[in-house]
Every structure is written in structure tokens, then in C-alpha cells.
């Protein structure tokens, strides 16, 4: 325990190199109330890590639904991490939704998207 129980967290930073999909999937299903005390998040999303199967796409959709719809966070800042991995894969459904847009360079998707999220005042 870090002593944060019962306190508001002004900022939560999440950068776990691809584990964000599993972490937020579990959080959404097992402890959705834990983000109630968080005001802002900086999160790095890796759509090219662990994002190849239908189950992976479900985890991505769960993340989106949990963070934006259920928890009420809004994006106020974003940055495309321009580094690329030539062997990276993005689920075809996410590509079709335009996830990568103009961020994709030379046929390889970017490594990550960095987001600043906050709850409306």
C-alpha cells in the first residue's frame, strides 16, 4: 500500500509498454471505482503491442468505453510517438476505424500515442 487510500490523486501516469490493455480491462471489470478519485491521467497507449486478435480488440473497446464513457475522462492533449517498429501489427478493425490516420509512416505504425486526460470541471 502506498497510502493513497481515501485520497484524491491529482495525476496518474500510466506507461507500461503494452500492458495497459490488460490492466484497464481488469480494472473495468473488477474495480471500476478505483479511477473515481483520479483527476487527470497521462497515459501512453501502444496499439501495436498485443493488438492482433479479436480478444485484443475487445480489450481496446473496453478501455475506450471505461475511460471515456463510464469514467468521464476527456482528452486535452495528445502526441504521436513517431518511432516505428517494422514488425508491429494493428488489428484490422482498428485500422478500418482510422486509428492510425496520418500517424502511420512508411508503412509501419507508430510505437505509441501519448494522451493527457482529465475530467471536466
C-alpha atoms as a PDB file:
ATOM      1  CA  UNK A   1       0.000   0.000   0.000  1.00  0.00           C
ATOM      2  CA  UNK A   2       1.191   3.465  -0.888  1.00  0.00           C
ATOM      3  CA  UNK A   3      -1.051   5.408   1.480  1.00  0.00           C
ATOM      4  CA  UNK A   4      -3.361   6.811  -1.218  1.00  0.00           C
ATOM      5  CA  UNK A   5      -6.480   5.146   0.110  1.00  0.00           C
ATOM      6  CA  UNK A   6      -9.267   7.662   0.670  1.00  0.00           C
ATOM      7  CA  UNK A   7      -7.310  10.477  -1.024  1.00  0.00           C
ATOM      8  CA  UNK A   8      -7.734  12.156  -4.407  1.00  0.00           C
ATOM      9  CA  UNK A   9      -4.968  11.645  -6.931  1.00  0.00           C
ATOM     10  CA  UNK A  10      -4.371  14.752  -8.953  1.00  0.00           C
ATOM     11  CA  UNK A  11      -2.349  12.884 -11.583  1.00  0.00           C
ATOM     12  CA  UNK A  12      -1.918   9.228 -12.541  1.00  0.00           C
ATOM     13  CA  UNK A  13       0.816   8.346 -15.062  1.00  0.00           C
ATOM     14  CA  UNK A  14       0.450   5.065 -16.961  1.00  0.00           C
ATOM     15  CA  UNK A  15       3.248   3.800 -19.227  1.00  0.00           C
ATOM     16  CA  UNK A  16       3.512   0.043 -19.104  1.00  0.00           C
ATOM     17  CA  UNK A  17       4.617  -0.808 -22.664  1.00  0.00           C
ATOM     18  CA  UNK A  18       1.544  -2.683 -23.843  1.00  0.00           C
ATOM     19  CA  UNK A  19       0.119  -3.984 -20.573  1.00  0.00           C
ATOM     20  CA  UNK A  20      -2.349  -1.070 -20.491  1.00  0.00           C
ATOM     21  CA  UNK A  21      -4.921  -3.092 -22.439  1.00  0.00           C
ATOM     22  CA  UNK A  22      -4.978  -5.958 -19.918  1.00  0.00           C
ATOM     23  CA  UNK A  23      -4.659  -3.628 -16.918  1.00  0.00           C
ATOM     24  CA  UNK A  24      -7.610  -1.423 -17.856  1.00  0.00           C
ATOM     25  CA  UNK A  25      -9.681  -4.425 -18.960  1.00  0.00           C
ATOM     26  CA  UNK A  26      -9.222  -5.936 -15.492  1.00  0.00           C
ATOM     27  CA  UNK A  27      -9.817  -2.583 -13.785  1.00  0.00           C
ATOM     28  CA  UNK A  28     -13.059  -2.056 -15.722  1.00  0.00           C
ATOM     29  CA  UNK A  29     -14.380  -5.461 -14.695  1.00  0.00           C
ATOM     30  CA  UNK A  30     -13.014  -5.916 -11.169  1.00  0.00           C
ATOM     31  CA  UNK A  31     -12.509  -2.459  -9.619  1.00  0.00           C
ATOM     32  CA  UNK A  32     -14.076   0.261 -11.799  1.00  0.00           C
ATOM     33  CA  UNK A  33     -14.447   2.608  -8.820  1.00  0.00           C
ATOM     34  CA  UNK A  34     -10.656   2.975  -8.421  1.00  0.00           C
ATOM     35  CA  UNK A  35     -10.480   5.778 -11.003  1.00  0.00           C
ATOM     36  CA  UNK A  36     -13.190   7.774  -9.227  1.00  0.00           C
ATOM     37  CA  UNK A  37     -10.510   9.538  -7.162  1.00  0.00           C
ATOM     38  CA  UNK A  38      -8.265  10.395 -10.150  1.00  0.00           C
ATOM     39  CA  UNK A  39      -8.489  13.899 -11.622  1.00  0.00           C
ATOM     40  CA  UNK A  40      -6.047  13.594 -14.546  1.00  0.00           C
ATOM     41  CA  UNK A  41      -4.119  10.863 -16.347  1.00  0.00           C
ATOM     42  CA  UNK A  42      -1.165  10.824 -18.659  1.00  0.00           C
ATOM     43  CA  UNK A  43      -1.243   7.530 -20.483  1.00  0.00           C
ATOM     44  CA  UNK A  44       0.836   6.046 -23.244  1.00  0.00           C
ATOM     45  CA  UNK A  45      -1.149   3.686 -25.475  1.00  0.00           C
ATOM     46  CA  UNK A  46       0.541   1.091 -27.645  1.00  0.00           C
ATOM     47  CA  UNK A  47      -1.921  -0.005 -30.347  1.00  0.00           C
ATOM     48  CA  UNK A  48       0.756  -2.142 -31.987  1.00  0.00           C
ATOM     49  CA  UNK A  49       1.500  -4.277 -28.920  1.00  0.00           C
ATOM     50  CA  UNK A  50      -0.823  -7.153 -28.082  1.00  0.00           C
ATOM     51  CA  UNK A  51      -3.371  -5.951 -30.613  1.00  0.00           C
ATOM     52  CA  UNK A  52      -3.752  -8.707 -33.191  1.00  0.00           C
ATOM     53  CA  UNK A  53      -6.701 -10.922 -32.158  1.00  0.00           C
ATOM     54  CA  UNK A  54     -10.427 -10.409 -31.645  1.00  0.00           C
ATOM     55  CA  UNK A  55      -9.887 -10.648 -27.868  1.00  0.00           C
ATOM     56  CA  UNK A  56      -7.308  -7.840 -28.163  1.00  0.00           C
ATOM     57  CA  UNK A  57      -9.847  -5.685 -29.997  1.00  0.00           C
ATOM     58  CA  UNK A  58     -12.339  -6.334 -27.183  1.00  0.00           C
ATOM     59  CA  UNK A  59      -9.756  -5.101 -24.646  1.00  0.00           C
ATOM     60  CA  UNK A  60      -9.241  -1.937 -26.721  1.00  0.00           C
ATOM     61  CA  UNK A  61     -13.000  -1.316 -26.871  1.00  0.00           C
ATOM     62  CA  UNK A  62     -13.286  -1.944 -23.129  1.00  0.00           C
ATOM     63  CA  UNK A  63     -10.534   0.615 -22.484  1.00  0.00           C
ATOM     64  CA  UNK A  64     -12.316   3.224 -24.606  1.00  0.00           C
ATOM     65  CA  UNK A  65     -15.713   2.581 -23.012  1.00  0.00           C
ATOM     66  CA  UNK A  66     -14.328   2.536 -19.475  1.00  0.00           C
ATOM     67  CA  UNK A  67     -12.135   5.648 -19.716  1.00  0.00           C
ATOM     68  CA  UNK A  68     -14.256   7.936 -21.858  1.00  0.00           C
ATOM     69  CA  UNK A  69     -17.851   6.857 -21.380  1.00  0.00           C
ATOM     70  CA  UNK A  70     -18.019   5.374 -17.891  1.00  0.00           C
ATOM     71  CA  UNK A  71     -15.242   7.307 -16.122  1.00  0.00           C
ATOM     72  CA  UNK A  72     -15.887  10.591 -17.948  1.00  0.00           C
ATOM     73  CA  UNK A  73     -12.320  11.474 -18.916  1.00  0.00           C
ATOM     74  CA  UNK A  74     -11.783  13.848 -21.840  1.00  0.00           C
ATOM     75  CA  UNK A  75      -8.634  14.179 -23.913  1.00  0.00           C
ATOM     76  CA  UNK A  76      -6.969  17.588 -23.668  1.00  0.00           C
ATOM     77  CA  UNK A  77      -3.566  16.703 -25.138  1.00  0.00           C
ATOM     78  CA  UNK A  78      -2.124  14.068 -27.442  1.00  0.00           C
ATOM     79  CA  UNK A  79       1.187  13.275 -29.073  1.00  0.00           C
ATOM     80  CA  UNK A  80       2.145  10.621 -31.599  1.00  0.00           C
ATOM     81  CA  UNK A  81       5.340   8.827 -30.674  1.00  0.00           C
ATOM     82  CA  UNK A  82       6.949   8.817 -34.111  1.00  0.00           C
ATOM     83  CA  UNK A  83       9.209   5.859 -33.517  1.00  0.00           C
ATOM     84  CA  UNK A  84       8.137   2.856 -35.535  1.00  0.00           C
ATOM     85  CA  UNK A  85       8.577  -0.870 -35.318  1.00  0.00           C
ATOM     86  CA  UNK A  86       8.727  -2.577 -38.669  1.00  0.00           C
ATOM     87  CA  UNK A  87       7.141  -5.775 -37.324  1.00  0.00           C
ATOM     88  CA  UNK A  88       4.294  -4.038 -35.480  1.00  0.00           C
ATOM     89  CA  UNK A  89       0.761  -5.182 -36.097  1.00  0.00           C
ATOM     90  CA  UNK A  90      -2.515  -3.354 -35.648  1.00  0.00           C
ATOM     91  CA  UNK A  91      -5.803  -5.208 -35.607  1.00  0.00           C
ATOM     92  CA  UNK A  92      -7.570  -4.753 -38.978  1.00  0.00           C
ATOM     93  CA  UNK A  93     -10.750  -3.459 -37.289  1.00  0.00           C
ATOM     94  CA  UNK A  94      -8.780  -0.697 -35.570  1.00  0.00           C
ATOM     95  CA  UNK A  95      -7.126   0.243 -38.863  1.00  0.00           C
ATOM     96  CA  UNK A  96     -10.540   0.397 -40.527  1.00  0.00           C
ATOM     97  CA  UNK A  97     -11.740   2.764 -37.808  1.00  0.00           C
ATOM     98  CA  UNK A  98      -8.900   5.118 -38.734  1.00  0.00           C
ATOM     99  CA  UNK A  99      -6.922   4.606 -35.533  1.00  0.00           C
ATOM    100  CA  UNK A 100      -3.613   5.349 -37.191  1.00  0.00           C
ATOM    101  CA  UNK A 101      -4.723   8.064 -39.594  1.00  0.00           C
ATOM    102  CA  UNK A 102      -1.794  10.126 -40.828  1.00  0.00           C
ATOM    103  CA  UNK A 103       0.368   8.917 -37.955  1.00  0.00           C
ATOM    104  CA  UNK A 104       1.495   5.855 -39.898  1.00  0.00           C
ATOM    105  CA  UNK A 105       4.833   6.441 -41.587  1.00  0.00           C
ATOM    106  CA  UNK A 106       6.476   4.373 -44.295  1.00  0.00           C
ATOM    107  CA  UNK A 107       4.026   1.502 -43.853  1.00  0.00           C
ATOM    108  CA  UNK A 108       4.904   0.941 -40.178  1.00  0.00           C
ATOM    109  CA  UNK A 109       2.569   2.196 -37.432  1.00  0.00           C
ATOM    110  CA  UNK A 110       3.865   4.494 -34.678  1.00  0.00           C
ATOM    111  CA  UNK A 111       5.039   2.963 -31.438  1.00  0.00           C
ATOM    112  CA  UNK A 112       2.610   4.802 -29.170  1.00  0.00           C
ATOM    113  CA  UNK A 113       0.107   7.565 -28.649  1.00  0.00           C
ATOM    114  CA  UNK A 114       0.565   9.699 -25.538  1.00  0.00           C
ATOM    115  CA  UNK A 115      -2.636  11.157 -24.125  1.00  0.00           C
ATOM    116  CA  UNK A 116      -3.438  13.740 -21.490  1.00  0.00           C
ATOM    117  CA  UNK A 117      -6.868  13.057 -19.986  1.00  0.00           C
ATOM    118  CA  UNK A 118      -8.871  14.976 -17.422  1.00  0.00           C
ATOM    119  CA  UNK A 119     -12.334  15.032 -16.028  1.00  0.00           C
ATOM    120  CA  UNK A 120     -14.487  18.047 -16.901  1.00  0.00           C
ATOM    121  CA  UNK A 121     -14.699  20.595 -14.091  1.00  0.00           C
END
